[in-house]
């Protein structure tokens, strides 16, 4: 069988060459040891390649090595190939931490990208509000392509919802002592706001001032995260109203201290705020009967 120039060139992008395409090529080994199915799989991968008479595979690597490869060698070593015989799994080089660690790398990279986009989104939403923030601006802030933001989150609305989502760790904050529970909740909220000015809770409250959609999301979130939960723990008349007042006082403290920066609250020591506010909040959720 005579090779045309096109047939020889067709193998080069794969890093493979037929011995007939260059001088001095030796006769390849037959494929009998691995069976015809694997040879067929390889022939399918190299679309314009035809086996030599007798089932020989007749290829060699494009790395300068003169040794011919059998079909099995070719399928295993051909650069970029993912063709396998039926029932055989792909073999690939794994990282130093083994297969499990190697498989986790893409996921870890994806999670890092997601976190970077969410952080950038919170900054941008806090800076210009929900309506004026754009996916392009958020992508620039996160140093990623606009397509990456869409790939991970779909739309600005979905990105916003995830960026401002927050949950109160009720089980960690609740004790058998109502006074201690109130103090735990108050300290946790003040610490969260102080630690991150662009926390999900802070960004949602900021954007709710200029966006009807953000305001509605805040209303639903406060109802579910605060009012519903607190009301269920109050053994007194007007449980839901008491829970709503509790929530209003807590959010008012946070907003006036960290958003409006009212001097008397912004400059007050946390211990003084906790000392004075705790009895008031406790009287709402555990009134003396």
C-alpha atoms as a PDB file:
ATOM      1  CA  UNK A   1       0.000   0.000   0.000  1.00  0.00           C
ATOM      2  CA  UNK A   2       1.404   3.389  -1.024  1.00  0.00           C
ATOM      3  CA  UNK A   3       1.143   6.450   1.240  1.00  0.00           C
ATOM      4  CA  UNK A   4       0.188   9.821  -0.145  1.00  0.00           C
ATOM      5  CA  UNK A   5       1.616  13.056   1.387  1.00  0.00           C
ATOM      6  CA  UNK A   6      -1.806  13.849   2.817  1.00  0.00           C
ATOM      7  CA  UNK A   7      -1.953  10.483   4.594  1.00  0.00           C
ATOM      8  CA  UNK A   8       1.433  11.109   6.207  1.00  0.00           C
ATOM      9  CA  UNK A   9       0.497  14.659   7.221  1.00  0.00           C
ATOM     10  CA  UNK A  10      -2.758  13.492   8.780  1.00  0.00           C
ATOM     11  CA  UNK A  11      -0.848  11.680  11.525  1.00  0.00           C
ATOM     12  CA  UNK A  12       1.428  14.532  12.546  1.00  0.00           C
ATOM     13  CA  UNK A  13      -1.083  16.522  14.653  1.00  0.00           C
ATOM     14  CA  UNK A  14      -1.434  13.409  16.796  1.00  0.00           C
ATOM     15  CA  UNK A  15       2.312  13.076  17.290  1.00  0.00           C
ATOM     16  CA  UNK A  16       2.276   9.793  15.315  1.00  0.00           C
ATOM     17  CA  UNK A  17       3.845   8.744  11.999  1.00  0.00           C
ATOM     18  CA  UNK A  18       3.737   5.666   9.847  1.00  0.00           C
ATOM     19  CA  UNK A  19       7.180   4.144   9.303  1.00  0.00           C
ATOM     20  CA  UNK A  20       6.548   4.346   5.551  1.00  0.00           C
ATOM     21  CA  UNK A  21       6.481   8.145   5.859  1.00  0.00           C
ATOM     22  CA  UNK A  22      10.184   8.244   6.623  1.00  0.00           C
ATOM     23  CA  UNK A  23      13.165   6.172   5.705  1.00  0.00           C
ATOM     24  CA  UNK A  24      14.555   3.443   7.879  1.00  0.00           C
ATOM     25  CA  UNK A  25      11.279   2.461   9.552  1.00  0.00           C
ATOM     26  CA  UNK A  26      11.225  -1.114  10.788  1.00  0.00           C
ATOM     27  CA  UNK A  27       8.397  -3.564  10.364  1.00  0.00           C
ATOM     28  CA  UNK A  28       5.907  -3.138  13.241  1.00  0.00           C
ATOM     29  CA  UNK A  29       4.775  -5.849  15.577  1.00  0.00           C
ATOM     30  CA  UNK A  30       1.385  -7.437  14.862  1.00  0.00           C
ATOM     31  CA  UNK A  31      -1.645  -6.742  17.031  1.00  0.00           C
ATOM     32  CA  UNK A  32      -2.420 -10.368  17.795  1.00  0.00           C
ATOM     33  CA  UNK A  33      -1.479 -10.000  21.471  1.00  0.00           C
ATOM     34  CA  UNK A  34      -4.217  -7.468  22.205  1.00  0.00           C
ATOM     35  CA  UNK A  35      -6.989  -8.512  19.847  1.00  0.00           C
ATOM     36  CA  UNK A  36      -8.680  -6.887  16.910  1.00  0.00           C
ATOM     37  CA  UNK A  37     -11.059  -4.671  18.953  1.00  0.00           C
ATOM     38  CA  UNK A  38      -8.263  -2.487  20.302  1.00  0.00           C
ATOM     39  CA  UNK A  39      -6.679  -2.171  16.872  1.00  0.00           C
ATOM     40  CA  UNK A  40     -10.064  -1.166  15.528  1.00  0.00           C
ATOM     41  CA  UNK A  41     -10.429   1.462  18.259  1.00  0.00           C
ATOM     42  CA  UNK A  42      -7.095   2.968  17.392  1.00  0.00           C
ATOM     43  CA  UNK A  43      -7.801   2.951  13.675  1.00  0.00           C
ATOM     44  CA  UNK A  44     -10.997   4.885  14.397  1.00  0.00           C
ATOM     45  CA  UNK A  45      -9.027   7.502  16.346  1.00  0.00           C
ATOM     46  CA  UNK A  46      -6.597   8.055  13.467  1.00  0.00           C
ATOM     47  CA  UNK A  47      -9.270   8.553  10.853  1.00  0.00           C
ATOM     48  CA  UNK A  48      -7.224   8.217   7.658  1.00  0.00           C
ATOM     49  CA  UNK A  49      -4.891   5.510   8.906  1.00  0.00           C
ATOM     50  CA  UNK A  50      -5.093   1.977   7.439  1.00  0.00           C
ATOM     51  CA  UNK A  51      -3.463  -1.055   8.984  1.00  0.00           C
ATOM     52  CA  UNK A  52      -0.824  -2.959   7.108  1.00  0.00           C
ATOM     53  CA  UNK A  53      -1.507  -6.500   5.894  1.00  0.00           C
ATOM     54  CA  UNK A  54      -1.588  -9.032   8.689  1.00  0.00           C
ATOM     55  CA  UNK A  55      -3.140  -6.678  11.249  1.00  0.00           C
ATOM     56  CA  UNK A  56       0.053  -4.730  11.972  1.00  0.00           C
ATOM     57  CA  UNK A  57      -0.418  -1.224  13.322  1.00  0.00           C
ATOM     58  CA  UNK A  58       2.684   0.341  11.770  1.00  0.00           C
ATOM     59  CA  UNK A  59       3.115   3.549  13.819  1.00  0.00           C
ATOM     60  CA  UNK A  60       5.783   5.150  15.887  1.00  0.00           C
ATOM     61  CA  UNK A  61       5.926   8.129  18.228  1.00  0.00           C
ATOM     62  CA  UNK A  62       6.706  11.604  16.983  1.00  0.00           C
ATOM     63  CA  UNK A  63       9.211  12.191  19.768  1.00  0.00           C
ATOM     64  CA  UNK A  64      12.284  11.160  17.802  1.00  0.00           C
ATOM     65  CA  UNK A  65      12.281   7.598  19.071  1.00  0.00           C
ATOM     66  CA  UNK A  66      12.861   5.039  16.353  1.00  0.00           C
ATOM     67  CA  UNK A  67      11.097   2.119  18.023  1.00  0.00           C
ATOM     68  CA  UNK A  68       7.756   1.168  16.511  1.00  0.00           C
ATOM     69  CA  UNK A  69       4.750   0.788  18.782  1.00  0.00           C
ATOM     70  CA  UNK A  70       2.115  -1.878  18.853  1.00  0.00           C
ATOM     71  CA  UNK A  71      -1.542  -0.860  18.863  1.00  0.00           C
ATOM     72  CA  UNK A  72      -1.622  -1.172  22.648  1.00  0.00           C
ATOM     73  CA  UNK A  73       1.393   1.128  23.030  1.00  0.00           C
ATOM     74  CA  UNK A  74      -0.102   3.598  20.601  1.00  0.00           C
ATOM     75  CA  UNK A  75      -3.453   3.825  22.362  1.00  0.00           C
ATOM     76  CA  UNK A  76      -1.738   4.249  25.723  1.00  0.00           C
ATOM     77  CA  UNK A  77       0.903   6.757  24.641  1.00  0.00           C
ATOM     78  CA  UNK A  78      -0.582   8.772  21.786  1.00  0.00           C
ATOM     79  CA  UNK A  79      -0.658  12.433  22.897  1.00  0.00           C
ATOM     80  CA  UNK A  80      -4.158  13.627  23.723  1.00  0.00           C
ATOM     81  CA  UNK A  81      -5.864  10.355  22.791  1.00  0.00           C
ATOM     82  CA  UNK A  82      -8.812   9.080  24.791  1.00  0.00           C
ATOM     83  CA  UNK A  83      -9.671   5.981  22.747  1.00  0.00           C
ATOM     84  CA  UNK A  84      -9.957   2.732  24.672  1.00  0.00           C
ATOM     85  CA  UNK A  85     -10.955  -0.804  23.888  1.00  0.00           C
ATOM     86  CA  UNK A  86     -14.395  -1.821  25.133  1.00  0.00           C
ATOM     87  CA  UNK A  87     -14.289  -2.484  28.866  1.00  0.00           C
ATOM     88  CA  UNK A  88     -10.924  -0.795  29.364  1.00  0.00           C
ATOM     89  CA  UNK A  89     -10.720   2.353  31.518  1.00  0.00           C
ATOM     90  CA  UNK A  90      -8.641   5.364  30.580  1.00  0.00           C
ATOM     91  CA  UNK A  91      -5.229   5.670  32.161  1.00  0.00           C
ATOM     92  CA  UNK A  92      -3.856   9.083  33.022  1.00  0.00           C
ATOM     93  CA  UNK A  93      -1.043  10.544  35.006  1.00  0.00           C
ATOM     94  CA  UNK A  94      -2.097  11.453  38.522  1.00  0.00           C
ATOM     95  CA  UNK A  95      -0.708  14.078  40.848  1.00  0.00           C
ATOM     96  CA  UNK A  96       1.618  13.435  43.800  1.00  0.00           C
ATOM     97  CA  UNK A  97      -1.347  13.157  46.148  1.00  0.00           C
ATOM     98  CA  UNK A  98      -2.819  10.205  44.258  1.00  0.00           C
ATOM     99  CA  UNK A  99      -5.980   9.831  42.173  1.00  0.00           C
ATOM    100  CA  UNK A 100      -8.337  11.274  44.788  1.00  0.00           C
ATOM    101  CA  UNK A 101      -6.367  14.488  45.201  1.00  0.00           C
ATOM    102  CA  UNK A 102      -5.790  14.811  41.470  1.00  0.00           C
ATOM    103  CA  UNK A 103      -9.491  14.418  40.716  1.00  0.00           C
ATOM    104  CA  UNK A 104     -10.337  17.109  43.277  1.00  0.00           C
ATOM    105  CA  UNK A 105      -8.114  19.780  41.713  1.00  0.00           C
ATOM    106  CA  UNK A 106     -10.574  21.034  39.055  1.00  0.00           C
ATOM    107  CA  UNK A 107     -13.349  21.188  41.641  1.00  0.00           C
ATOM    108  CA  UNK A 108     -11.142  23.153  44.019  1.00  0.00           C
ATOM    109  CA  UNK A 109     -10.241  25.595  41.269  1.00  0.00           C
ATOM    110  CA  UNK A 110     -13.919  25.973  40.423  1.00  0.00           C
ATOM    111  CA  UNK A 111     -14.804  26.650  44.046  1.00  0.00           C
ATOM    112  CA  UNK A 112     -12.078  29.286  44.288  1.00  0.00           C
ATOM    113  CA  UNK A 113     -13.455  30.990  41.192  1.00  0.00           C
ATOM    114  CA  UNK A 114     -16.993  30.909  42.603  1.00  0.00           C
ATOM    115  CA  UNK A 115     -15.838  32.465  45.880  1.00  0.00           C
ATOM    116  CA  UNK A 116     -13.910  35.167  44.034  1.00  0.00           C
ATOM    117  CA  UNK A 117     -16.965  36.052  41.953  1.00  0.00           C
ATOM    118  CA  UNK A 118     -19.228  36.123  45.023  1.00  0.00           C
ATOM    119  CA  UNK A 119     -16.808  38.388  46.908  1.00  0.00           C
ATOM    120  CA  UNK A 120     -16.540  40.727  43.920  1.00  0.00           C
ATOM    121  CA  UNK A 121     -20.321  40.731  43.522  1.00  0.00           C
ATOM    122  CA  UNK A 122     -20.873  41.727  47.149  1.00  0.00           C
ATOM    123  CA  UNK A 123     -18.399  44.592  46.805  1.00  0.00           C
ATOM    124  CA  UNK A 124     -20.019  45.824  43.613  1.00  0.00           C
ATOM    125  CA  UNK A 125     -23.592  45.481  44.896  1.00  0.00           C
ATOM    126  CA  UNK A 126     -22.638  47.328  48.092  1.00  0.00           C
ATOM    127  CA  UNK A 127     -20.891  50.056  46.106  1.00  0.00           C
ATOM    128  CA  UNK A 128     -23.457  50.864  43.402  1.00  0.00           C
ATOM    129  CA  UNK A 129     -26.588  48.956  44.413  1.00  0.00           C
ATOM    130  CA  UNK A 130     -28.395  46.079  42.761  1.00  0.00           C
ATOM    131  CA  UNK A 131     -29.859  47.978  39.831  1.00  0.00           C
ATOM    132  CA  UNK A 132     -26.607  49.612  38.682  1.00  0.00           C
ATOM    133  CA  UNK A 133     -24.325  46.625  39.182  1.00  0.00           C
ATOM    134  CA  UNK A 134     -23.662  44.737  35.943  1.00  0.00           C
ATOM    135  CA  UNK A 135     -22.313  41.280  35.259  1.00  0.00           C
ATOM    136  CA  UNK A 136     -19.508  42.854  33.219  1.00  0.00           C
ATOM    137  CA  UNK A 137     -18.465  45.086  36.124  1.00  0.00           C
ATOM    138  CA  UNK A 138     -18.587  42.168  38.557  1.00  0.00           C
ATOM    139  CA  UNK A 139     -16.500  40.044  36.182  1.00  0.00           C
ATOM    140  CA  UNK A 140     -13.904  42.825  35.947  1.00  0.00           C
ATOM    141  CA  UNK A 141     -13.845  43.138  39.746  1.00  0.00           C
ATOM    142  CA  UNK A 142     -13.333  39.366  40.054  1.00  0.00           C
ATOM    143  CA  UNK A 143     -10.743  39.310  37.235  1.00  0.00           C
ATOM    144  CA  UNK A 144     -12.692  36.724  35.250  1.00  0.00           C
ATOM    145  CA  UNK A 145     -14.519  36.712  31.933  1.00  0.00           C
ATOM    146  CA  UNK A 146     -18.172  37.709  31.795  1.00  0.00           C
ATOM    147  CA  UNK A 147     -18.895  34.215  30.459  1.00  0.00           C
ATOM    148  CA  UNK A 148     -17.480  32.710  33.670  1.00  0.00           C
ATOM    149  CA  UNK A 149     -19.962  34.630  35.802  1.00  0.00           C
ATOM    150  CA  UNK A 150     -22.819  33.423  33.614  1.00  0.00           C
ATOM    151  CA  UNK A 151     -21.462  29.885  33.644  1.00  0.00           C
ATOM    152  CA  UNK A 152     -21.374  29.724  37.439  1.00  0.00           C
ATOM    153  CA  UNK A 153     -24.494  31.732  38.309  1.00  0.00           C
ATOM    154  CA  UNK A 154     -26.657  32.097  35.217  1.00  0.00           C
ATOM    155  CA  UNK A 155     -28.015  35.611  35.750  1.00  0.00           C
ATOM    156  CA  UNK A 156     -27.466  38.731  37.832  1.00  0.00           C
ATOM    157  CA  UNK A 157     -30.565  37.942  39.862  1.00  0.00           C
ATOM    158  CA  UNK A 158     -29.343  34.451  40.750  1.00  0.00           C
ATOM    159  CA  UNK A 159     -25.873  35.788  41.519  1.00  0.00           C
ATOM    160  CA  UNK A 160     -27.343  38.431  43.816  1.00  0.00           C
ATOM    161  CA  UNK A 161     -29.474  35.918  45.678  1.00  0.00           C
ATOM    162  CA  UNK A 162     -26.496  33.705  46.366  1.00  0.00           C
ATOM    163  CA  UNK A 163     -24.160  36.603  47.187  1.00  0.00           C
ATOM    164  CA  UNK A 164     -26.453  37.970  49.919  1.00  0.00           C
ATOM    165  CA  UNK A 165     -27.637  34.657  51.335  1.00  0.00           C
ATOM    166  CA  UNK A 166     -26.928  34.229  55.021  1.00  0.00           C
ATOM    167  CA  UNK A 167     -28.053  31.931  57.805  1.00  0.00           C
ATOM    168  CA  UNK A 168     -28.127  32.433  61.546  1.00  0.00           C
ATOM    169  CA  UNK A 169     -26.557  29.516  63.468  1.00  0.00           C
ATOM    170  CA  UNK A 170     -29.506  29.231  65.854  1.00  0.00           C
ATOM    171  CA  UNK A 171     -28.394  25.962  67.440  1.00  0.00           C
ATOM    172  CA  UNK A 172     -24.970  27.375  68.314  1.00  0.00           C
ATOM    173  CA  UNK A 173     -26.404  30.540  69.847  1.00  0.00           C
ATOM    174  CA  UNK A 174     -29.305  29.060  71.823  1.00  0.00           C
ATOM    175  CA  UNK A 175     -28.895  27.992  75.466  1.00  0.00           C
ATOM    176  CA  UNK A 176     -31.287  27.139  78.279  1.00  0.00           C
ATOM    177  CA  UNK A 177     -30.783  30.650  79.676  1.00  0.00           C
ATOM    178  CA  UNK A 178     -32.770  33.263  77.666  1.00  0.00           C
ATOM    179  CA  UNK A 179     -30.458  36.052  78.814  1.00  0.00           C
ATOM    180  CA  UNK A 180     -27.370  34.207  77.608  1.00  0.00           C
ATOM    181  CA  UNK A 181     -29.088  33.368  74.329  1.00  0.00           C
ATOM    182  CA  UNK A 182     -29.876  37.044  73.733  1.00  0.00           C
ATOM    183  CA  UNK A 183     -26.294  38.028  74.527  1.00  0.00           C
ATOM    184  CA  UNK A 184     -24.964  35.347  72.165  1.00  0.00           C
ATOM    185  CA  UNK A 185     -27.193  36.593  69.340  1.00  0.00           C
ATOM    186  CA  UNK A 186     -26.269  40.235  69.888  1.00  0.00           C
ATOM    187  CA  UNK A 187     -22.532  39.602  70.060  1.00  0.00           C
ATOM    188  CA  UNK A 188     -22.615  37.343  67.011  1.00  0.00           C
ATOM    189  CA  UNK A 189     -24.416  39.958  64.927  1.00  0.00           C
ATOM    190  CA  UNK A 190     -22.155  42.834  65.980  1.00  0.00           C
ATOM    191  CA  UNK A 191     -19.014  40.740  65.457  1.00  0.00           C
ATOM    192  CA  UNK A 192     -20.162  39.670  61.974  1.00  0.00           C
ATOM    193  CA  UNK A 193     -20.790  43.242  60.862  1.00  0.00           C
ATOM    194  CA  UNK A 194     -17.509  44.478  62.344  1.00  0.00           C
ATOM    195  CA  UNK A 195     -15.470  41.683  60.730  1.00  0.00           C
ATOM    196  CA  UNK A 196     -16.753  42.214  57.183  1.00  0.00           C
ATOM    197  CA  UNK A 197     -18.412  45.449  56.026  1.00  0.00           C
ATOM    198  CA  UNK A 198     -19.481  43.586  52.884  1.00  0.00           C
ATOM    199  CA  UNK A 199     -20.954  40.550  54.593  1.00  0.00           C
ATOM    200  CA  UNK A 200     -24.056  39.071  52.936  1.00  0.00           C
ATOM    201  CA  UNK A 201     -26.296  40.551  55.642  1.00  0.00           C
ATOM    202  CA  UNK A 202     -24.757  44.031  55.297  1.00  0.00           C
ATOM    203  CA  UNK A 203     -24.952  44.023  51.497  1.00  0.00           C
ATOM    204  CA  UNK A 204     -28.571  42.891  51.497  1.00  0.00           C
ATOM    205  CA  UNK A 205     -29.539  45.651  53.924  1.00  0.00           C
ATOM    206  CA  UNK A 206     -27.672  48.291  51.880  1.00  0.00           C
ATOM    207  CA  UNK A 207     -29.186  47.270  48.554  1.00  0.00           C
ATOM    208  CA  UNK A 208     -32.682  47.030  50.027  1.00  0.00           C
ATOM    209  CA  UNK A 209     -32.681  50.830  50.417  1.00  0.00           C
ATOM    210  CA  UNK A 210     -32.651  51.368  46.631  1.00  0.00           C
ATOM    211  CA  UNK A 211     -34.042  48.153  45.148  1.00  0.00           C
ATOM    212  CA  UNK A 212     -37.552  46.769  45.497  1.00  0.00           C
ATOM    213  CA  UNK A 213     -36.283  43.295  44.659  1.00  0.00           C
ATOM    214  CA  UNK A 214     -33.605  43.441  47.348  1.00  0.00           C
ATOM    215  CA  UNK A 215     -36.125  44.829  49.844  1.00  0.00           C
ATOM    216  CA  UNK A 216     -38.500  41.939  49.171  1.00  0.00           C
ATOM    217  CA  UNK A 217     -35.652  39.453  49.559  1.00  0.00           C
ATOM    218  CA  UNK A 218     -34.674  41.061  52.872  1.00  0.00           C
ATOM    219  CA  UNK A 219     -38.263  40.883  54.133  1.00  0.00           C
ATOM    220  CA  UNK A 220     -38.514  37.196  53.323  1.00  0.00           C
ATOM    221  CA  UNK A 221     -35.111  36.456  54.776  1.00  0.00           C
ATOM    222  CA  UNK A 222     -35.770  38.243  58.066  1.00  0.00           C
ATOM    223  CA  UNK A 223     -39.150  36.572  58.386  1.00  0.00           C
ATOM    224  CA  UNK A 224     -37.724  33.089  57.897  1.00  0.00           C
ATOM    225  CA  UNK A 225     -34.366  33.527  59.631  1.00  0.00           C
ATOM    226  CA  UNK A 226     -35.486  35.633  62.591  1.00  0.00           C
ATOM    227  CA  UNK A 227     -39.213  36.108  63.138  1.00  0.00           C
ATOM    228  CA  UNK A 228     -40.347  32.534  62.479  1.00  0.00           C
ATOM    229  CA  UNK A 229     -37.582  31.020  64.578  1.00  0.00           C
ATOM    230  CA  UNK A 230     -37.729  33.450  67.502  1.00  0.00           C
ATOM    231  CA  UNK A 231     -41.534  33.383  67.666  1.00  0.00           C
ATOM    232  CA  UNK A 232     -41.470  29.594  68.014  1.00  0.00           C
ATOM    233  CA  UNK A 233     -39.392  29.929  71.205  1.00  0.00           C
ATOM    234  CA  UNK A 234     -41.575  32.562  72.922  1.00  0.00           C
ATOM    235  CA  UNK A 235     -44.075  31.289  75.460  1.00  0.00           C
ATOM    236  CA  UNK A 236     -46.075  34.485  75.801  1.00  0.00           C
ATOM    237  CA  UNK A 237     -48.905  36.384  74.080  1.00  0.00           C
ATOM    238  CA  UNK A 238     -48.090  38.220  70.841  1.00  0.00           C
ATOM    239  CA  UNK A 239     -45.188  35.897  70.100  1.00  0.00           C
ATOM    240  CA  UNK A 240     -44.764  36.950  66.456  1.00  0.00           C
ATOM    241  CA  UNK A 241     -44.971  40.663  67.271  1.00  0.00           C
ATOM    242  CA  UNK A 242     -42.395  40.202  69.999  1.00  0.00           C
ATOM    243  CA  UNK A 243     -40.137  38.362  67.561  1.00  0.00           C
ATOM    244  CA  UNK A 244     -40.582  41.118  64.958  1.00  0.00           C
ATOM    245  CA  UNK A 245     -39.662  43.792  67.515  1.00  0.00           C
ATOM    246  CA  UNK A 246     -36.614  41.754  68.511  1.00  0.00           C
ATOM    247  CA  UNK A 247     -35.541  41.628  64.860  1.00  0.00           C
ATOM    248  CA  UNK A 248     -36.163  45.372  64.350  1.00  0.00           C
ATOM    249  CA  UNK A 249     -34.016  46.335  67.314  1.00  0.00           C
ATOM    250  CA  UNK A 250     -31.183  44.036  66.256  1.00  0.00           C
ATOM    251  CA  UNK A 251     -31.154  45.283  62.654  1.00  0.00           C
ATOM    252  CA  UNK A 252     -31.502  48.889  63.808  1.00  0.00           C
ATOM    253  CA  UNK A 253     -28.444  48.542  66.020  1.00  0.00           C
ATOM    254  CA  UNK A 254     -26.412  47.073  63.187  1.00  0.00           C
ATOM    255  CA  UNK A 255     -27.530  49.616  60.586  1.00  0.00           C
ATOM    256  CA  UNK A 256     -27.010  52.686  62.751  1.00  0.00           C
ATOM    257  CA  UNK A 257     -23.652  51.504  64.039  1.00  0.00           C
ATOM    258  CA  UNK A 258     -22.123  50.133  60.821  1.00  0.00           C
ATOM    259  CA  UNK A 259     -23.997  51.793  57.929  1.00  0.00           C
ATOM    260  CA  UNK A 260     -25.108  55.204  59.181  1.00  0.00           C
ATOM    261  CA  UNK A 261     -22.238  55.464  61.672  1.00  0.00           C
ATOM    262  CA  UNK A 262     -24.269  57.405  64.207  1.00  0.00           C
ATOM    263  CA  UNK A 263     -21.585  58.688  66.590  1.00  0.00           C
ATOM    264  CA  UNK A 264     -23.104  57.517  69.875  1.00  0.00           C
ATOM    265  CA  UNK A 265     -23.503  53.982  68.557  1.00  0.00           C
ATOM    266  CA  UNK A 266     -20.490  53.802  66.236  1.00  0.00           C
ATOM    267  CA  UNK A 267     -18.116  54.926  68.970  1.00  0.00           C
ATOM    268  CA  UNK A 268     -19.679  52.896  71.790  1.00  0.00           C
ATOM    269  CA  UNK A 269     -17.857  49.920  73.242  1.00  0.00           C
ATOM    270  CA  UNK A 270     -19.409  46.566  72.335  1.00  0.00           C
ATOM    271  CA  UNK A 271     -19.537  45.572  76.003  1.00  0.00           C
ATOM    272  CA  UNK A 272     -21.602  48.634  76.840  1.00  0.00           C
ATOM    273  CA  UNK A 273     -24.037  47.932  74.008  1.00  0.00           C
ATOM    274  CA  UNK A 274     -24.414  44.316  75.131  1.00  0.00           C
ATOM    275  CA  UNK A 275     -24.846  45.331  78.786  1.00  0.00           C
ATOM    276  CA  UNK A 276     -27.636  47.801  78.084  1.00  0.00           C
ATOM    277  CA  UNK A 277     -29.417  46.079  75.186  1.00  0.00           C
ATOM    278  CA  UNK A 278     -29.511  42.530  76.545  1.00  0.00           C
ATOM    279  CA  UNK A 279     -32.163  43.090  79.268  1.00  0.00           C
ATOM    280  CA  UNK A 280     -34.381  44.937  76.775  1.00  0.00           C
ATOM    281  CA  UNK A 281     -34.154  42.156  74.196  1.00  0.00           C
ATOM    282  CA  UNK A 282     -34.622  39.481  76.846  1.00  0.00           C
ATOM    283  CA  UNK A 283     -37.865  41.119  78.007  1.00  0.00           C
ATOM    284  CA  UNK A 284     -39.247  40.611  74.509  1.00  0.00           C
ATOM    285  CA  UNK A 285     -38.522  36.903  74.139  1.00  0.00           C
ATOM    286  CA  UNK A 286     -38.774  35.805  77.781  1.00  0.00           C
ATOM    287  CA  UNK A 287     -40.987  38.291  79.681  1.00  0.00           C
ATOM    288  CA  UNK A 288     -41.401  37.926  83.416  1.00  0.00           C
ATOM    289  CA  UNK A 289     -44.935  36.591  83.904  1.00  0.00           C
END
